[in-house]
Amino acid sequence: MGKSKKRILHKTNSSLFMTRESALYKVKGCLNSINSDIKQKNEAKSLITLFGLSAEELSEAGVGYEYLKSLDSLICI
């Protein structure tokens, strides 16, 4: 994670601070929920790019293969 992203995360309220693991499970929840809307999917995409989550990490967390293939351009290899 770059210096700028670290500064932005540390400037936020401590109750809003998110670790890499919590971001991973938030992405999993947003993508795997049945009633997920565009807002949740956009939030998941922004968390993937912010934390640089890899396809391996997401698949280990339980994200489905279909979502991994649809997010192929965003996911780090």
N, C-alpha and C. Protein backbone atom coordinates (compact mmCIF):
# COMPACT_ATOMS: atom_id res chain seq x y z
N MET A 1 0.85 -1.16 0.00
CA MET A 1 0.00 0.00 0.00
C MET A 1 0.90 1.23 0.00
N GLY A 2 0.55 2.20 -0.81
CA GLY A 2 1.35 3.41 -0.94
C GLY A 2 1.20 4.35 0.25
N LYS A 3 2.08 5.34 0.30
CA LYS A 3 2.07 6.30 1.41
C LYS A 3 0.76 7.09 1.46
N SER A 4 0.27 7.49 0.31
CA SER A 4 -0.94 8.30 0.27
C SER A 4 -2.14 7.53 0.81
N LYS A 5 -2.26 6.27 0.42
CA LYS A 5 -3.38 5.47 0.91
C LYS A 5 -3.28 5.27 2.41
N LYS A 6 -2.07 5.08 2.92
CA LYS A 6 -1.90 4.92 4.36
C LYS A 6 -2.32 6.18 5.09
N ARG A 7 -1.92 7.34 4.56
CA ARG A 7 -2.28 8.60 5.20
C ARG A 7 -3.79 8.79 5.20
N ILE A 8 -4.43 8.49 4.09
CA ILE A 8 -5.88 8.66 3.99
C ILE A 8 -6.59 7.76 5.00
N LEU A 9 -6.13 6.51 5.11
CA LEU A 9 -6.76 5.60 6.05
C LEU A 9 -6.53 6.02 7.49
N HIS A 10 -5.34 6.55 7.80
CA HIS A 10 -5.06 6.96 9.18
C HIS A 10 -5.75 8.27 9.55
N LYS A 11 -6.12 9.08 8.55
CA LYS A 11 -6.83 10.32 8.84
C LYS A 11 -8.28 10.08 9.20
N THR A 12 -8.83 8.96 8.77
CA THR A 12 -10.25 8.69 9.02
C THR A 12 -10.49 8.42 10.49
N ASN A 13 -11.72 8.41 10.84
CA ASN A 13 -12.13 8.12 12.21
C ASN A 13 -11.68 6.71 12.57
N SER A 14 -11.24 6.50 13.79
CA SER A 14 -10.73 5.19 14.18
C SER A 14 -11.80 4.11 14.09
N SER A 15 -13.07 4.48 14.23
CA SER A 15 -14.13 3.49 14.11
C SER A 15 -14.33 3.06 12.66
N LEU A 16 -13.87 3.87 11.73
CA LEU A 16 -14.01 3.54 10.31
C LEU A 16 -12.78 2.86 9.75
N PHE A 17 -11.73 2.71 10.54
CA PHE A 17 -10.48 2.12 10.07
C PHE A 17 -10.72 0.68 9.64
N MET A 18 -10.17 0.31 8.50
CA MET A 18 -10.39 -1.01 7.95
C MET A 18 -9.05 -1.69 7.69
N THR A 19 -8.91 -2.91 8.14
CA THR A 19 -7.71 -3.68 7.87
C THR A 19 -7.89 -4.44 6.56
N ARG A 20 -6.82 -5.03 6.10
CA ARG A 20 -6.87 -5.80 4.85
C ARG A 20 -7.83 -6.98 4.97
N GLU A 21 -7.82 -7.65 6.13
CA GLU A 21 -8.69 -8.80 6.34
C GLU A 21 -10.16 -8.39 6.38
N SER A 22 -10.44 -7.28 7.06
CA SER A 22 -11.83 -6.84 7.12
C SER A 22 -12.31 -6.36 5.76
N ALA A 23 -11.41 -5.77 4.97
CA ALA A 23 -11.77 -5.37 3.61
C ALA A 23 -12.07 -6.59 2.75
N LEU A 24 -11.30 -7.64 2.94
CA LEU A 24 -11.48 -8.88 2.19
C LEU A 24 -12.86 -9.48 2.47
N TYR A 25 -13.25 -9.53 3.72
CA TYR A 25 -14.55 -10.10 4.07
C TYR A 25 -15.70 -9.17 3.71
N LYS A 26 -15.45 -7.87 3.69
CA LYS A 26 -16.48 -6.92 3.24
C LYS A 26 -16.73 -7.11 1.74
N VAL A 27 -15.67 -7.31 0.96
CA VAL A 27 -15.81 -7.56 -0.48
C VAL A 27 -16.58 -8.85 -0.70
N LYS A 28 -16.22 -9.88 0.07
CA LYS A 28 -16.92 -11.16 -0.06
C LYS A 28 -18.41 -10.99 0.24
N GLY A 29 -18.74 -10.26 1.28
CA GLY A 29 -20.13 -10.04 1.63
C GLY A 29 -20.88 -9.25 0.58
N CYS A 30 -20.22 -8.26 0.01
CA CYS A 30 -20.87 -7.43 -1.02
C CYS A 30 -21.14 -8.23 -2.29
N LEU A 31 -20.20 -9.05 -2.68
CA LEU A 31 -20.34 -9.78 -3.94
C LEU A 31 -21.21 -11.01 -3.82
N ASN A 32 -21.18 -11.69 -2.70
CA ASN A 32 -21.92 -12.94 -2.57
C ASN A 32 -23.34 -12.77 -2.06
N SER A 33 -23.72 -11.57 -1.64
CA SER A 33 -25.09 -11.40 -1.15
C SER A 33 -26.06 -11.46 -2.32
N ILE A 34 -27.19 -12.05 -2.07
CA ILE A 34 -28.18 -12.26 -3.13
C ILE A 34 -28.78 -10.93 -3.58
N ASN A 35 -29.00 -10.02 -2.67
CA ASN A 35 -29.63 -8.75 -2.98
C ASN A 35 -28.63 -7.62 -3.19
N SER A 36 -27.44 -7.95 -3.66
CA SER A 36 -26.43 -6.91 -3.85
C SER A 36 -26.83 -5.98 -5.00
N ASP A 37 -26.69 -4.70 -4.75
CA ASP A 37 -27.05 -3.72 -5.77
C ASP A 37 -25.78 -3.10 -6.35
N ILE A 38 -25.95 -2.16 -7.24
CA ILE A 38 -24.82 -1.52 -7.91
C ILE A 38 -23.91 -0.82 -6.91
N LYS A 39 -24.49 -0.20 -5.89
CA LYS A 39 -23.70 0.53 -4.89
C LYS A 39 -22.76 -0.42 -4.15
N GLN A 40 -23.26 -1.60 -3.77
CA GLN A 40 -22.42 -2.56 -3.06
C GLN A 40 -21.32 -3.09 -3.97
N LYS A 41 -21.63 -3.33 -5.23
CA LYS A 41 -20.63 -3.84 -6.16
C LYS A 41 -19.56 -2.78 -6.42
N ASN A 42 -19.96 -1.52 -6.51
CA ASN A 42 -18.97 -0.44 -6.68
C ASN A 42 -18.09 -0.30 -5.45
N GLU A 43 -18.68 -0.49 -4.26
CA GLU A 43 -17.89 -0.44 -3.04
C GLU A 43 -16.87 -1.58 -3.02
N ALA A 44 -17.30 -2.76 -3.45
CA ALA A 44 -16.39 -3.91 -3.51
C ALA A 44 -15.25 -3.64 -4.48
N LYS A 45 -15.56 -3.06 -5.64
CA LYS A 45 -14.52 -2.75 -6.62
C LYS A 45 -13.53 -1.73 -6.07
N SER A 46 -14.02 -0.73 -5.36
CA SER A 46 -13.12 0.28 -4.82
C SER A 46 -12.22 -0.31 -3.73
N LEU A 47 -12.75 -1.23 -2.93
CA LEU A 47 -11.92 -1.87 -1.91
C LEU A 47 -10.87 -2.79 -2.54
N ILE A 48 -11.22 -3.45 -3.63
CA ILE A 48 -10.25 -4.31 -4.32
C ILE A 48 -9.09 -3.49 -4.84
N THR A 49 -9.39 -2.35 -5.44
CA THR A 49 -8.32 -1.52 -5.98
C THR A 49 -7.54 -0.81 -4.88
N LEU A 50 -8.21 -0.40 -3.81
CA LEU A 50 -7.54 0.30 -2.72
C LEU A 50 -6.53 -0.60 -2.02
N PHE A 51 -6.92 -1.84 -1.73
CA PHE A 51 -6.05 -2.74 -1.00
C PHE A 51 -5.23 -3.65 -1.91
N GLY A 52 -5.50 -3.64 -3.21
CA GLY A 52 -4.75 -4.47 -4.14
C GLY A 52 -4.95 -5.96 -3.88
N LEU A 53 -6.19 -6.34 -3.65
CA LEU A 53 -6.49 -7.73 -3.33
C LEU A 53 -6.27 -8.61 -4.55
N SER A 54 -5.72 -9.79 -4.32
CA SER A 54 -5.44 -10.71 -5.42
C SER A 54 -6.58 -11.71 -5.57
N ALA A 55 -6.60 -12.38 -6.71
CA ALA A 55 -7.62 -13.37 -6.98
C ALA A 55 -7.52 -14.54 -6.00
N GLU A 56 -6.30 -14.89 -5.63
CA GLU A 56 -6.09 -15.99 -4.69
C GLU A 56 -6.70 -15.66 -3.32
N GLU A 57 -6.46 -14.44 -2.85
CA GLU A 57 -7.02 -14.03 -1.56
C GLU A 57 -8.54 -14.04 -1.59
N LEU A 58 -9.11 -13.54 -2.68
CA LEU A 58 -10.56 -13.50 -2.78
C LEU A 58 -11.16 -14.90 -2.87
N SER A 59 -10.53 -15.78 -3.61
CA SER A 59 -11.07 -17.14 -3.72
C SER A 59 -10.94 -17.89 -2.40
N GLU A 60 -9.87 -17.66 -1.65
CA GLU A 60 -9.73 -18.28 -0.34
C GLU A 60 -10.77 -17.76 0.64
N ALA A 61 -11.19 -16.52 0.46
CA ALA A 61 -12.21 -15.94 1.33
C ALA A 61 -13.61 -16.45 0.98
N GLY A 62 -13.76 -17.00 -0.23
CA GLY A 62 -15.05 -17.58 -0.60
C GLY A 62 -15.79 -16.87 -1.71
N VAL A 63 -15.12 -15.99 -2.42
CA VAL A 63 -15.77 -15.30 -3.55
C VAL A 63 -15.87 -16.30 -4.70
N GLY A 64 -17.01 -16.32 -5.36
CA GLY A 64 -17.25 -17.27 -6.44
C GLY A 64 -16.41 -17.01 -7.68
N TYR A 65 -16.21 -18.07 -8.45
CA TYR A 65 -15.39 -18.00 -9.66
C TYR A 65 -15.97 -17.01 -10.68
N GLU A 66 -17.28 -16.95 -10.79
CA GLU A 66 -17.92 -16.05 -11.75
C GLU A 66 -17.57 -14.59 -11.46
N TYR A 67 -17.56 -14.23 -10.18
CA TYR A 67 -17.21 -12.86 -9.80
C TYR A 67 -15.74 -12.58 -10.06
N LEU A 68 -14.90 -13.57 -9.82
CA LEU A 68 -13.47 -13.38 -10.07
C LEU A 68 -13.21 -13.13 -11.55
N LYS A 69 -13.90 -13.87 -12.41
CA LYS A 69 -13.72 -13.68 -13.85
C LYS A 69 -14.30 -12.33 -14.30
N SER A 70 -15.38 -11.90 -13.70
CA SER A 70 -15.96 -10.61 -14.10
C SER A 70 -15.12 -9.43 -13.62
N LEU A 71 -14.35 -9.63 -12.56
CA LEU A 71 -13.48 -8.58 -12.02
C LEU A 71 -12.04 -8.74 -12.47
N ASP A 72 -11.83 -9.48 -13.53
CA ASP A 72 -10.49 -9.84 -13.99
C ASP A 72 -9.60 -8.62 -14.22
N SER A 73 -10.15 -7.53 -14.72
CA SER A 73 -9.32 -6.35 -15.02
C SER A 73 -8.91 -5.60 -13.75
N LEU A 74 -9.64 -5.78 -12.64
CA LEU A 74 -9.33 -5.08 -11.41
C LEU A 74 -8.40 -5.85 -10.48
N ILE A 75 -8.41 -7.15 -10.59
CA ILE A 75 -7.71 -7.99 -9.64
C ILE A 75 -6.24 -8.11 -10.00
N CYS A 76 -5.40 -7.98 -8.98
CA CYS A 76 -3.95 -8.15 -9.16
C CYS A 76 -3.64 -9.62 -9.39
N ILE A 77 -2.70 -9.87 -10.25
CA ILE A 77 -2.32 -11.26 -10.55
C ILE A 77 -1.19 -11.69 -9.65
